[in-house]
């Protein structure tokens, strides 16, 4: 899987793990809701660049390059740990 596909998957995952709506995430990233939906479907539209990736990374406390890492690496760093009961 290439880094752009990793980015698309990781953006969707970090949004879901943090319980953020598509609308709120699009606002945070400074992009249209339709653009974010396309990203989450695995399609990186033209015009999406480092600025949007930087806003997402800053909001979630990660580095931009980490959004492009393989999903299993990103998940091990950022997926919330479930508490044992």
Protein backbone atom coordinates (compact mmCIF):
# COMPACT_ATOMS: atom_id res chain seq x y z
CA UNK A 1 0.00 0.00 0.00
CA UNK A 2 1.40 3.41 -0.85
CA UNK A 3 1.72 6.38 1.47
CA UNK A 4 -1.24 8.27 -0.04
CA UNK A 5 -3.56 5.35 0.69
CA UNK A 6 -2.08 5.17 4.20
CA UNK A 7 -2.88 8.86 4.62
CA UNK A 8 -6.51 8.33 3.60
CA UNK A 9 -6.96 5.40 5.98
CA UNK A 10 -5.17 7.08 8.88
CA UNK A 11 -7.20 10.29 8.55
CA UNK A 12 -10.42 8.31 8.75
CA UNK A 13 -9.20 6.19 11.65
CA UNK A 14 -7.95 9.05 13.80
CA UNK A 15 -11.23 10.89 13.30
CA UNK A 16 -13.25 7.83 14.32
CA UNK A 17 -11.00 6.95 17.28
CA UNK A 18 -11.50 10.46 18.64
CA UNK A 19 -15.25 10.55 18.06
CA UNK A 20 -15.17 13.56 15.74
CA UNK A 21 -17.83 14.11 13.11
CA UNK A 22 -16.99 14.48 9.43
CA UNK A 23 -18.19 18.09 9.58
CA UNK A 24 -15.98 19.00 12.54
CA UNK A 25 -12.96 17.28 10.99
CA UNK A 26 -13.47 19.10 7.67
CA UNK A 27 -13.59 22.41 9.52
CA UNK A 28 -10.44 21.56 11.48
CA UNK A 29 -8.60 20.65 8.28
CA UNK A 30 -9.87 23.68 6.39
CA UNK A 31 -11.47 21.66 3.62
CA UNK A 32 -14.92 21.04 2.22
CA UNK A 33 -16.92 18.19 3.69
CA UNK A 34 -17.10 16.56 0.26
CA UNK A 35 -13.30 16.61 0.05
CA UNK A 36 -12.95 14.87 3.40
CA UNK A 37 -15.50 12.26 2.37
CA UNK A 38 -13.48 11.54 -0.76
CA UNK A 39 -10.29 11.21 1.28
CA UNK A 40 -11.96 8.75 3.65
CA UNK A 41 -13.08 6.73 0.63
CA UNK A 42 -9.44 6.47 -0.50
CA UNK A 43 -9.44 9.19 -3.14
CA UNK A 44 -7.03 12.09 -2.57
CA UNK A 45 -8.49 15.02 -4.54
CA UNK A 46 -6.32 17.60 -6.29
CA UNK A 47 -5.66 20.62 -4.14
CA UNK A 48 -5.34 18.69 -0.89
CA UNK A 49 -1.87 19.30 0.38
CA UNK A 50 0.49 19.80 3.23
CA UNK A 51 -1.56 22.61 4.76
CA UNK A 52 -4.55 20.37 5.38
CA UNK A 53 -2.35 17.48 6.55
CA UNK A 54 -0.58 19.88 8.90
CA UNK A 55 -3.84 21.08 10.44
CA UNK A 56 -4.99 17.50 11.01
CA UNK A 57 -1.66 16.49 12.54
CA UNK A 58 -1.56 19.54 14.82
CA UNK A 59 -5.13 18.97 16.00
CA UNK A 60 -4.39 15.37 16.99
CA UNK A 61 -0.86 15.92 18.33
CA UNK A 62 1.02 13.92 15.73
CA UNK A 63 3.58 14.72 13.07
CA UNK A 64 2.53 15.13 9.43
CA UNK A 65 4.79 12.29 8.27
CA UNK A 66 3.06 9.93 10.71
CA UNK A 67 -0.21 10.33 8.82
CA UNK A 68 1.53 8.69 5.84
CA UNK A 69 2.95 5.73 7.78
CA UNK A 70 1.58 2.23 7.31
CA UNK A 71 -1.73 1.92 9.12
CA UNK A 72 -0.50 -0.69 11.63
CA UNK A 73 2.37 1.62 12.70
CA UNK A 74 0.04 4.61 13.06
CA UNK A 75 -2.54 2.55 14.92
CA UNK A 76 0.00 1.34 17.48
CA UNK A 77 0.93 4.95 18.24
CA UNK A 78 -2.45 6.68 18.22
CA UNK A 79 -5.36 4.29 18.66
CA UNK A 80 -6.83 4.82 22.12
CA UNK A 81 -6.15 1.92 24.40
CA UNK A 82 -9.24 0.16 25.67
CA UNK A 83 -9.46 -0.07 29.41
CA UNK A 84 -9.75 -3.52 30.91
CA UNK A 85 -12.66 -3.94 33.27
